[in-house]
Amino acid sequence: MTTIEHWIGGALTAGGSERTGDVFNPATGEVARQVRLAGAADVDAAVRTAAKAFESWGDSSLSQRTKVMFRFRELLVEHEDEMARLISAEHGKVVEDARGEIIRGREVVEYACGIADVLKGSYSDQVSRGIDVFNFRQPLGVCAGITPFNFPIMVPMWMHPVAIATGNTFVLKPSERDPSVSNLVAELYAEAGLPDGVFNVVHGDKTAVDALLDHDEVAAVSFVGSTPIAKYIHQRATENGKRVQALGGAKNHAVVLPDADLEFAANHLTAAAYGSAGQRCMAISVGVAVGEAGDALVEVLKRKAEEVKVGPGDDPASEMGPVVTPAARDRVIRAVESGQAQGADLVVDGRGLSLPGHEDGFFVGPSLLDKVTADMDAYREEIFGPVLSVARAADVTEAIELINANPYGNGTAIFTSSGAAARRFQREVKVGMIGVNVPIPVPMSYYSFGGWKDSLIGDSPIHGPEGVRFYTRAKTVTSRWPEVRQTVDAAFHFPTSN
């Protein structure tokens, strides 16, 4: 059986740890390969390799960095199909969905291709007689990324292209559930001309995570995952003096007003709830039906949920694949059972789904719960699976209050034909990313991604301008160039302009 190894210093290496983990094919339930689980010594080797590479990469020209990024972008296009099928085989999502995450990740690479413009500093001439002030930004050193299973290429590419283009070196610790594509990315970077040691991959579990958080040569840590782990990452890394981006969980709501086109809204809610089997941090997990929209919306959602084609990710007819592990499947089943037991109406039941030829796969069908209330477990917990809960609200005020009372604030959406209602919603709702008739409002790469409340621990969003600021620090220079033999008396009082 193939064993996935680490990528350190431009080459594959088994490292010193003999521990391995299983990597499943979620569509069959079979163990497809093994992955090395790094020990502290393996992490140390990767970080020290990155630190050595930083000595030269940190002084590389903007031209050299962008040349690598342009070539890397073209290689991502050339290998798109290969990467999509690799992701589908280990994650379970359908190939076209995997292709979509590759494209969205590639957009950040395209942003990094223009890093020279983004890194331009400012200059103030003659702030005092013969004195100028200017600033510029410099890289931090070794940066680390700790990323989740649900987007094994897109989320890491929210991090490492910006970090590398701004002059840092990078150590990626991807999810051990679908690790293979990270090694392929490392190979493409090498083919693009990135020097050895600038981008490294260590596979592993909590042992590897803690080693990165504690390593004295890691300057910054970027993380995307659940809120409890985001809080842990943020606390431990900041205690060790590191910069931290820590994005947590979500419970995203989509409000549907009576004046919305219900067929349009339901179509998009269905895709946003069940795409990637609901395993997205931006998935819509709660539909808020306002007023008279309620029963009619649920009726359309029921029809569309029952029409979703569930199957293996490599089947072109499939719209939704399996969830990633048996534990994920069991969690979805428990959520449906809990919702029904606590008083919700089970409109569509996705439990017990069995596909001929894939009886051992981790499949669970779309489920739809109606009349879910804020005290139910199905509402409070992040299910991270193909379950759409519908809550009822009397008016838009009650819908906004429901969303604002939720501890998460990642993404939200409103479906309406009223500009006034949409404007009020986007101003009053306490959520970081908002869609108006757009169910999954993931910003483009030249904006930054990040929620509010328990969806973002700390204050550092990811990619875009905020990402550039995160991976660099500013220097401000006040300069004077006196003429030769000119005497300038030094002042003992606090300097002022004159």
Protein backbone atom coordinates (compact mmCIF):
# COMPACT_ATOMS: atom_id res chain seq x y z
CA MET A 1 0.00 0.00 0.00
CA THR A 2 1.28 3.48 -0.90
CA THR A 3 2.50 5.63 2.00
CA ILE A 4 2.28 9.41 1.60
CA GLU A 5 5.50 11.01 2.82
CA HIS A 6 6.53 14.50 3.86
CA TRP A 7 8.00 17.06 1.45
CA ILE A 8 10.97 18.83 3.01
CA GLY A 9 13.71 20.76 1.24
CA GLY A 10 12.47 19.92 -2.24
CA ALA A 11 12.19 16.15 -1.83
CA LEU A 12 9.98 13.44 -0.37
CA THR A 13 11.13 12.04 2.96
CA ALA A 14 9.78 9.44 5.37
CA GLY A 15 11.14 11.35 8.34
CA GLY A 16 11.96 9.75 11.66
CA SER A 17 8.48 8.89 12.90
CA GLU A 18 7.14 5.41 12.17
CA ARG A 19 3.53 6.34 12.95
CA THR A 20 1.04 6.27 10.07
CA GLY A 21 -2.66 6.96 9.58
CA ASP A 22 -5.30 5.56 7.26
CA VAL A 23 -6.50 7.53 4.23
CA PHE A 24 -9.91 6.29 3.07
CA ASN A 25 -11.76 6.26 -0.20
CA PRO A 26 -15.07 7.55 1.19
CA ALA A 27 -17.08 6.16 -1.73
CA THR A 28 -16.02 2.56 -1.01
CA GLY A 29 -15.11 2.73 2.67
CA GLU A 30 -11.75 1.12 1.91
CA VAL A 31 -8.36 2.24 3.18
CA ALA A 32 -6.71 3.52 0.00
CA ARG A 33 -3.28 4.46 1.33
CA GLN A 34 -1.31 5.36 4.45
CA VAL A 35 0.08 8.75 5.46
CA ARG A 36 3.14 9.45 7.59
CA LEU A 37 2.36 11.18 10.89
CA ALA A 38 5.18 13.52 11.76
CA GLY A 39 6.89 13.65 15.10
CA ALA A 40 8.39 16.76 16.66
CA ALA A 41 11.77 16.00 15.06
CA ASP A 42 10.19 15.92 11.59
CA VAL A 43 8.55 19.28 12.18
CA ASP A 44 11.84 20.68 13.44
CA ALA A 45 13.58 19.49 10.28
CA ALA A 46 10.96 21.16 8.08
CA VAL A 47 11.06 24.44 10.01
CA ARG A 48 14.85 24.62 10.07
CA THR A 49 14.94 23.88 6.36
CA ALA A 50 12.46 26.70 5.78
CA ALA A 51 14.46 29.04 8.03
CA LYS A 52 17.63 28.33 6.03
CA ALA A 53 15.76 28.94 2.75
CA PHE A 54 14.46 32.25 4.09
CA GLU A 55 17.99 33.62 4.25
CA SER A 56 18.00 33.90 0.46
CA TRP A 57 14.28 33.89 -0.43
CA GLY A 58 13.60 36.80 1.93
CA ASP A 59 16.06 38.87 -0.12
CA SER A 60 14.78 37.68 -3.50
CA SER A 61 13.49 40.24 -5.95
CA LEU A 62 9.82 40.88 -6.55
CA SER A 63 10.46 39.93 -10.15
CA GLN A 64 11.77 36.51 -9.15
CA ARG A 65 8.82 35.84 -6.85
CA THR A 66 6.19 36.84 -9.37
CA LYS A 67 7.92 34.84 -12.10
CA VAL A 68 7.48 31.73 -9.92
CA MET A 69 3.86 32.59 -9.20
CA PHE A 70 2.99 33.08 -12.88
CA ARG A 71 4.52 29.71 -13.73
CA PHE A 72 2.87 28.03 -10.73
CA ARG A 73 -0.49 29.38 -11.88
CA GLU A 74 -0.04 27.84 -15.33
CA LEU A 75 0.90 24.48 -13.83
CA LEU A 76 -2.25 24.55 -11.71
CA VAL A 77 -4.25 24.93 -14.91
CA GLU A 78 -2.36 22.10 -16.64
CA HIS A 79 -2.86 19.70 -13.71
CA GLU A 80 -6.40 20.74 -12.80
CA ASP A 81 -8.04 17.45 -13.77
CA GLU A 82 -5.40 15.36 -12.01
CA MET A 83 -5.77 17.39 -8.81
CA ALA A 84 -9.57 17.34 -8.92
CA ARG A 85 -9.65 13.54 -9.21
CA LEU A 86 -7.10 13.19 -6.42
CA ILE A 87 -9.18 15.39 -4.12
CA SER A 88 -12.38 13.53 -5.02
CA ALA A 89 -10.79 10.15 -4.30
CA GLU A 90 -9.76 11.12 -0.74
CA HIS A 91 -12.40 13.67 0.23
CA GLY A 92 -15.43 12.21 -1.53
CA LYS A 93 -16.70 15.40 -3.17
CA VAL A 94 -17.65 15.19 -6.82
CA VAL A 95 -14.91 15.96 -9.34
CA GLU A 96 -16.55 19.14 -10.61
CA ASP A 97 -16.83 20.47 -7.05
CA ALA A 98 -13.15 19.69 -6.52
CA ARG A 99 -12.39 21.52 -9.76
CA GLY A 100 -14.26 24.53 -8.40
CA GLU A 101 -12.11 24.72 -5.27
CA ILE A 102 -8.96 24.51 -7.39
CA ILE A 103 -10.15 27.48 -9.44
CA ARG A 104 -10.99 29.54 -6.34
CA GLY A 105 -7.59 28.72 -4.84
CA ARG A 106 -5.89 29.63 -8.11
CA GLU A 107 -7.46 33.10 -7.86
CA VAL A 108 -5.26 33.76 -4.82
CA VAL A 109 -2.22 32.75 -6.85
CA GLU A 110 -3.32 35.26 -9.48
CA TYR A 111 -3.57 37.90 -6.75
CA ALA A 112 -0.05 36.96 -5.65
CA CYS A 113 1.18 37.46 -9.23
CA GLY A 114 0.48 41.16 -8.69
CA ILE A 115 2.21 41.32 -5.32
CA ALA A 116 4.65 44.00 -6.48
CA ASP A 117 1.83 46.52 -6.72
CA VAL A 118 0.32 45.49 -3.38
CA LEU A 119 3.67 45.83 -1.57
CA LYS A 120 4.31 49.40 -2.70
CA GLY A 121 5.01 51.61 0.28
CA SER A 122 4.41 55.33 0.74
CA TYR A 123 6.71 58.35 0.65
CA SER A 124 6.37 61.80 2.17
CA ASP A 125 8.76 64.40 0.83
CA GLN A 126 10.09 67.30 2.92
CA VAL A 127 8.20 66.56 6.15
CA SER A 128 10.71 68.92 7.71
CA ARG A 129 13.59 70.84 6.12
CA GLY A 130 15.71 68.27 4.32
CA ILE A 131 13.88 65.33 5.88
CA ASP A 132 11.78 62.69 4.12
CA VAL A 133 9.70 59.83 5.53
CA PHE A 134 8.87 56.58 3.77
CA ASN A 135 7.79 53.07 4.66
CA PHE A 136 7.93 49.58 3.23
CA ARG A 137 6.97 46.07 4.28
CA GLN A 138 9.23 43.07 4.88
CA PRO A 139 8.50 39.35 5.32
CA LEU A 140 8.35 37.68 8.73
CA GLY A 141 10.35 34.49 8.15
CA VAL A 142 8.94 30.97 8.49
CA CYS A 143 5.14 30.82 8.35
CA ALA A 144 2.99 27.76 9.02
CA GLY A 145 -0.43 26.72 7.76
CA ILE A 146 -2.68 24.21 9.51
CA THR A 147 -5.59 23.39 7.25
CA PRO A 148 -8.82 21.31 7.26
CA PHE A 149 -9.97 18.34 5.18
CA ASN A 150 -12.94 20.04 3.52
CA PHE A 151 -10.91 22.14 1.05
CA PRO A 152 -7.54 20.38 0.78
CA ILE A 153 -6.23 22.69 -1.95
CA MET A 154 -8.25 25.91 -1.74
CA VAL A 155 -7.75 26.74 1.94
CA PRO A 156 -3.97 26.17 1.87
CA MET A 157 -3.83 28.36 -1.25
CA TRP A 158 -5.53 31.10 0.72
CA MET A 159 -2.28 31.10 2.71
CA HIS A 160 0.95 29.97 1.06
CA PRO A 161 0.88 31.95 -2.24
CA VAL A 162 0.55 35.25 -0.34
CA ALA A 163 3.11 34.23 2.26
CA ILE A 164 5.65 33.09 -0.34
CA ALA A 165 5.08 36.01 -2.72
CA THR A 166 5.73 38.46 0.12
CA GLY A 167 9.09 36.78 0.77
CA ASN A 168 8.36 34.25 3.52
CA THR A 169 8.99 30.52 3.55
CA PHE A 170 6.18 28.11 4.44
CA VAL A 171 5.48 24.85 6.25
CA LEU A 172 2.06 23.33 5.53
CA LYS A 173 0.41 20.79 7.84
CA PRO A 174 -2.61 19.65 5.81
CA SER A 175 -5.39 17.41 7.06
CA GLU A 176 -4.29 13.80 7.37
CA ARG A 177 -7.65 12.73 5.90
CA ASP A 178 -6.91 13.92 2.33
CA PRO A 179 -3.20 14.75 2.20
CA SER A 180 -2.08 13.69 -1.29
CA VAL A 181 -2.87 16.89 -3.20
CA SER A 182 -0.57 18.92 -0.92
CA ASN A 183 2.42 16.89 -2.11
CA LEU A 184 1.39 17.46 -5.71
CA VAL A 185 1.26 21.21 -5.03
CA ALA A 186 4.79 20.99 -3.64
CA GLU A 187 5.95 19.26 -6.82
CA LEU A 188 4.33 21.96 -8.97
CA TYR A 189 6.04 24.70 -6.95
CA ALA A 190 9.38 22.97 -7.57
CA GLU A 191 8.63 22.71 -11.28
CA ALA A 192 7.71 26.41 -11.28
CA GLY A 193 11.22 27.25 -10.05
CA LEU A 194 10.59 27.81 -6.35
CA PRO A 195 13.88 27.17 -4.50
CA ASP A 196 14.10 24.08 -2.31
CA GLY A 197 12.94 24.63 1.26
CA VAL A 198 10.67 27.60 0.55
CA PHE A 199 7.56 25.38 0.58
CA ASN A 200 7.44 22.28 2.78
CA VAL A 201 4.72 19.80 3.73
CA VAL A 202 4.60 17.81 6.98
CA HIS A 203 1.72 15.40 7.45
CA GLY A 204 0.46 14.59 10.89
CA ASP A 205 -1.94 15.03 13.77
CA LYS A 206 -1.90 17.00 17.04
CA THR A 207 1.75 16.11 17.64
CA ALA A 208 2.75 17.96 14.48
CA VAL A 209 0.40 20.86 15.23
CA ASP A 210 1.81 21.41 18.71
CA ALA A 211 5.36 21.21 17.41
CA LEU A 212 4.61 24.01 14.93
CA LEU A 213 2.90 26.14 17.58
CA ASP A 214 5.85 25.78 19.94
CA HIS A 215 8.76 26.07 17.49
CA ASP A 216 10.77 29.22 18.14
CA GLU A 217 11.54 29.75 14.43
CA VAL A 218 7.90 29.82 13.32
CA ALA A 219 6.90 33.49 13.10
CA ALA A 220 3.22 33.16 12.11
CA VAL A 221 0.51 30.51 12.06
CA SER A 222 -2.58 30.41 9.84
CA PHE A 223 -5.43 28.05 10.74
CA VAL A 224 -8.88 27.14 9.45
CA GLY A 225 -11.04 24.61 11.28
CA SER A 226 -13.48 24.25 14.15
CA THR A 227 -13.93 26.98 16.75
CA PRO A 228 -12.63 24.98 19.75
CA ILE A 229 -9.41 24.16 17.89
CA ALA A 230 -9.15 27.73 16.56
CA LYS A 231 -9.24 28.99 20.15
CA TYR A 232 -6.59 26.46 21.15
CA ILE A 233 -4.35 27.39 18.21
CA HIS A 234 -4.74 31.11 18.88
CA GLN A 235 -3.99 30.85 22.59
CA ARG A 236 -0.99 28.53 22.34
CA ALA A 237 0.60 30.30 19.38
CA THR A 238 0.15 33.81 20.77
CA GLU A 239 1.56 32.69 24.11
CA ASN A 240 4.63 31.69 22.11
CA GLY A 241 4.86 35.14 20.53
CA LYS A 242 3.54 34.29 17.08
CA ARG A 243 1.14 36.07 14.80
CA VAL A 244 -2.04 34.04 14.36
CA GLN A 245 -4.87 33.82 11.87
CA ALA A 246 -7.48 31.46 13.35
CA LEU A 247 -10.74 30.95 11.49
CA GLY A 248 -13.34 28.85 13.28
CA GLY A 249 -16.70 27.22 12.66
CA ALA A 250 -19.98 28.46 11.27
CA LYS A 251 -23.74 28.21 11.35
CA ASN A 252 -24.70 30.11 8.24
CA HIS A 253 -28.25 31.39 7.78
CA ALA A 254 -30.08 32.30 4.58
CA VAL A 255 -33.15 34.51 5.02
CA VAL A 256 -35.94 34.15 2.46
CA LEU A 257 -38.49 36.96 2.35
CA PRO A 258 -41.98 36.55 0.90
CA ASP A 259 -41.11 38.81 -2.04
CA ALA A 260 -38.27 36.50 -3.15
CA ASP A 261 -38.50 34.20 -6.14
CA LEU A 262 -38.98 30.99 -4.15
CA GLU A 263 -37.90 28.69 -6.97
CA PHE A 264 -34.69 30.68 -7.39
CA ALA A 265 -34.06 30.85 -3.64
CA ALA A 266 -34.76 27.15 -3.06
CA ASN A 267 -32.56 26.13 -5.95
CA HIS A 268 -29.61 28.04 -4.49
CA LEU A 269 -30.32 26.98 -0.92
CA THR A 270 -30.33 23.34 -2.00
CA ALA A 271 -26.96 23.67 -3.72
CA ALA A 272 -25.50 25.64 -0.81
CA ALA A 273 -26.74 23.15 1.80
CA TYR A 274 -25.94 19.86 0.07
CA GLY A 275 -23.00 20.71 -2.20
CA SER A 276 -19.86 18.91 -1.01
CA ALA A 277 -22.24 16.98 1.31
CA GLY A 278 -22.54 20.12 3.43
CA GLN A 279 -18.86 19.95 4.40
CA ARG A 280 -18.14 23.62 3.79
CA CYS A 281 -17.53 26.37 6.30
CA MET A 282 -19.71 28.58 4.08
CA ALA A 283 -22.50 26.02 3.57
CA ILE A 284 -26.00 27.20 4.32
CA SER A 285 -27.21 25.10 7.24
CA VAL A 286 -30.23 27.21 8.31
CA GLY A 287 -32.89 28.63 6.04
CA VAL A 288 -34.95 31.32 7.74
CA ALA A 289 -38.39 31.48 6.14
CA VAL A 290 -40.04 34.82 6.82
CA GLY A 291 -43.81 35.16 7.18
CA GLU A 292 -45.92 33.62 4.46
CA ALA A 293 -42.85 32.33 2.61
CA GLY A 294 -42.56 29.42 5.08
CA ASP A 295 -44.77 26.57 3.87
CA ALA A 296 -44.28 27.34 0.19
CA LEU A 297 -40.48 27.45 0.56
CA VAL A 298 -40.36 24.14 2.43
CA GLU A 299 -42.46 22.52 -0.27
CA VAL A 300 -40.00 23.55 -2.97
CA LEU A 301 -36.97 22.63 -0.81
CA LYS A 302 -38.44 19.18 -0.27
CA ARG A 303 -38.81 18.56 -3.99
CA LYS A 304 -35.30 19.75 -4.74
CA ALA A 305 -33.68 17.79 -1.89
CA GLU A 306 -35.30 14.61 -3.17
CA GLU A 307 -33.92 15.32 -6.65
CA VAL A 308 -30.27 15.57 -5.56
CA LYS A 309 -28.26 12.81 -7.24
CA VAL A 310 -26.02 11.16 -4.64
CA GLY A 311 -23.18 8.96 -5.82
CA PRO A 312 -19.41 8.46 -5.93
CA GLY A 313 -17.42 11.57 -6.68
CA ASP A 314 -15.95 10.24 -9.91
CA ASP A 315 -19.40 9.58 -11.44
CA PRO A 316 -20.24 12.53 -13.74
CA ALA A 317 -23.93 12.07 -12.87
CA SER A 318 -23.33 12.63 -9.15
CA GLU A 319 -24.21 16.00 -7.62
CA MET A 320 -23.28 15.05 -4.06
CA GLY A 321 -20.75 12.50 -2.85
CA PRO A 322 -20.19 10.75 0.48
CA VAL A 323 -19.02 12.43 3.67
CA VAL A 324 -15.36 12.05 4.56
CA THR A 325 -15.41 9.42 7.36
CA PRO A 326 -17.76 7.01 9.14
CA ALA A 327 -17.68 9.36 12.14
CA ALA A 328 -18.93 12.22 9.95
CA ARG A 329 -21.75 10.03 8.64
CA ASP A 330 -22.73 9.03 12.18
CA ARG A 331 -22.71 12.66 13.30
CA VAL A 332 -25.16 13.58 10.54
CA ILE A 333 -27.44 10.70 11.48
CA ARG A 334 -27.43 11.75 15.14
CA ALA A 335 -28.28 15.33 14.18
CA VAL A 336 -31.32 14.22 12.18
CA GLU A 337 -32.46 11.93 14.99
CA SER A 338 -31.98 14.69 17.56
CA GLY A 339 -33.89 17.26 15.49
CA GLN A 340 -36.85 14.94 15.08
CA ALA A 341 -36.81 13.94 18.77
CA GLN A 342 -36.76 17.58 19.89
CA GLY A 343 -39.81 18.53 17.86
CA ALA A 344 -38.67 19.46 14.35
CA ASP A 345 -40.59 18.16 11.35
CA LEU A 346 -38.49 15.67 9.38
CA VAL A 347 -39.45 16.58 5.81
CA VAL A 348 -36.71 14.66 3.99
CA ASP A 349 -34.82 11.81 5.68
CA GLY A 350 -31.35 11.09 4.30
CA ARG A 351 -30.54 8.27 6.69
CA GLY A 352 -30.17 4.70 5.55
CA LEU A 353 -28.97 5.55 2.06
CA SER A 354 -27.27 2.59 0.40
CA LEU A 355 -25.88 2.68 -3.12
CA PRO A 356 -25.49 -0.54 -5.15
CA GLY A 357 -21.81 -1.35 -5.43
CA HIS A 358 -20.93 1.18 -2.73
CA GLU A 359 -22.68 -0.32 0.30
CA ASP A 360 -19.65 0.29 2.52
CA GLY A 361 -19.20 3.93 1.44
CA PHE A 362 -19.78 6.79 3.82
CA PHE A 363 -23.00 7.93 2.18
CA VAL A 364 -25.88 9.80 3.77
CA GLY A 365 -28.54 11.55 1.74
CA PRO A 366 -29.84 15.13 1.97
CA SER A 367 -32.03 15.75 5.01
CA LEU A 368 -34.50 18.60 5.55
CA LEU A 369 -35.80 19.63 8.96
CA ASP A 370 -38.61 22.18 9.31
CA LYS A 371 -39.75 24.31 12.24
CA VAL A 372 -36.36 24.12 13.91
CA THR A 373 -35.95 26.41 16.92
CA ALA A 374 -32.86 27.99 18.45
CA ASP A 375 -32.86 25.66 21.47
CA MET A 376 -32.57 22.47 19.40
CA ASP A 377 -29.25 20.65 19.02
CA ALA A 378 -29.69 20.57 15.24
CA TYR A 379 -29.66 24.39 15.31
CA ARG A 380 -26.99 24.98 17.95
CA GLU A 381 -24.38 22.50 16.76
CA GLU A 382 -22.22 22.70 13.65
CA ILE A 383 -23.33 19.51 11.89
CA PHE A 384 -21.00 19.86 8.90
CA GLY A 385 -23.08 17.54 6.76
CA PRO A 386 -26.03 17.49 4.33
CA VAL A 387 -28.70 18.70 6.74
CA LEU A 388 -30.72 21.86 6.05
CA SER A 389 -32.77 23.21 8.96
CA VAL A 390 -35.61 25.63 8.31
CA ALA A 391 -36.48 28.10 11.05
CA ARG A 392 -39.49 30.42 10.93
CA ALA A 393 -39.49 34.18 11.54
CA ALA A 394 -42.45 36.56 11.55
CA ASP A 395 -40.56 39.38 9.82
CA VAL A 396 -37.11 40.54 8.81
CA THR A 397 -36.52 42.05 12.26
CA GLU A 398 -37.01 38.66 13.91
CA ALA A 399 -34.78 37.01 11.30
CA ILE A 400 -31.95 39.47 11.98
CA GLU A 401 -32.35 38.98 15.73
CA LEU A 402 -32.11 35.20 15.29
CA ILE A 403 -28.87 35.49 13.31
CA ASN A 404 -27.33 38.03 15.67
CA ALA A 405 -28.07 35.84 18.70
CA ASN A 406 -26.13 32.96 17.18
CA PRO A 407 -22.54 32.62 18.47
CA TYR A 408 -21.19 32.20 14.93
CA GLY A 409 -20.87 35.01 12.40
CA ASN A 410 -19.16 33.56 9.35
CA GLY A 411 -21.51 33.98 6.38
CA THR A 412 -25.15 34.77 5.74
CA ALA A 413 -27.47 35.57 2.86
CA ILE A 414 -30.81 37.18 2.12
CA PHE A 415 -33.13 36.39 -0.78
CA THR A 416 -35.42 39.27 -1.63
CA SER A 417 -36.47 41.62 -4.41
CA SER A 418 -36.47 44.58 -1.99
CA GLY A 419 -33.40 46.79 -2.05
CA ALA A 420 -34.50 48.43 1.19
CA ALA A 421 -34.74 45.08 2.99
CA ALA A 422 -31.38 43.96 1.62
CA ARG A 423 -29.68 47.19 2.65
CA ARG A 424 -31.12 47.01 6.14
CA PHE A 425 -30.05 43.37 6.43
CA GLN A 426 -26.46 43.97 5.34
CA ARG A 427 -26.09 46.88 7.77
CA GLU A 428 -27.69 45.30 10.84
CA VAL A 429 -26.63 41.67 10.69
CA LYS A 430 -23.56 40.80 12.80
CA VAL A 431 -21.81 38.58 10.27
CA GLY A 432 -18.56 39.06 8.38
CA MET A 433 -19.56 37.93 4.87
CA ILE A 434 -22.99 38.67 3.42
CA GLY A 435 -24.71 37.59 0.23
CA VAL A 436 -27.66 39.36 -1.37
CA ASN A 437 -29.37 36.72 -3.51
CA VAL A 438 -26.00 34.93 -3.35
CA PRO A 439 -25.99 31.93 -0.99
CA ILE A 440 -22.25 31.39 -0.53
CA PRO A 441 -20.66 34.86 -0.42
CA VAL A 442 -16.98 33.85 -0.48
CA PRO A 443 -15.07 37.05 -1.38
CA MET A 444 -12.77 37.22 -4.37
CA SER A 445 -9.05 36.96 -3.71
CA TYR A 446 -8.51 40.72 -3.69
CA TYR A 447 -10.86 41.03 -0.72
CA SER A 448 -10.24 39.24 2.57
CA PHE A 449 -12.09 36.22 3.97
CA GLY A 450 -13.18 36.21 7.59
CA GLY A 451 -16.24 36.09 9.82
CA TRP A 452 -17.20 37.64 13.14
CA LYS A 453 -17.77 36.32 16.64
CA ASP A 454 -16.79 32.67 17.15
CA SER A 455 -16.05 32.26 13.46
CA LEU A 456 -12.85 34.33 13.73
CA ILE A 457 -10.64 34.09 16.79
CA GLY A 458 -8.52 37.21 17.03
CA ASP A 459 -8.69 39.90 14.37
CA SER A 460 -6.82 38.62 11.32
CA PRO A 461 -8.87 37.58 8.26
CA ILE A 462 -7.24 35.59 5.50
CA HIS A 463 -5.89 36.32 1.98
CA GLY A 464 -6.34 39.61 0.11
CA PRO A 465 -5.01 42.85 1.61
CA GLU A 466 -5.37 41.55 5.18
CA GLY A 467 -3.30 38.52 4.21
CA VAL A 468 -0.51 40.71 2.87
CA ARG A 469 -0.48 42.72 6.09
CA PHE A 470 -0.48 39.51 8.15
CA TYR A 471 2.56 38.03 6.39
CA THR A 472 4.61 41.25 6.45
CA ARG A 473 5.56 43.99 8.89
CA ALA A 474 6.18 47.64 8.24
CA LYS A 475 9.32 49.68 8.55
CA THR A 476 9.12 53.45 8.58
CA VAL A 477 12.28 55.43 7.78
CA THR A 478 12.92 59.07 8.57
CA SER A 479 15.95 60.24 6.58
CA ARG A 480 18.14 63.28 6.13
CA TRP A 481 21.02 63.61 3.69
CA PRO A 482 23.01 66.70 4.66
CA GLU A 483 25.38 68.18 2.15
CA VAL A 484 29.06 67.43 2.57
CA ARG A 485 30.73 69.57 5.28
CA GLN A 486 27.35 71.01 6.29
CA THR A 487 27.03 71.29 10.06
CA VAL A 488 23.64 70.56 11.61
CA ASP A 489 23.26 71.23 15.30
CA ALA A 490 21.64 68.38 17.21
CA ALA A 491 18.65 69.32 19.38
CA PHE A 492 18.14 67.94 22.88
CA HIS A 493 14.39 68.60 22.93
CA PHE A 494 11.83 66.20 21.40
CA PRO A 495 12.02 66.54 17.61
CA THR A 496 9.29 68.55 15.85
CA SER A 497 8.74 69.65 12.26
CA ASN A 498 9.77 73.18 11.31
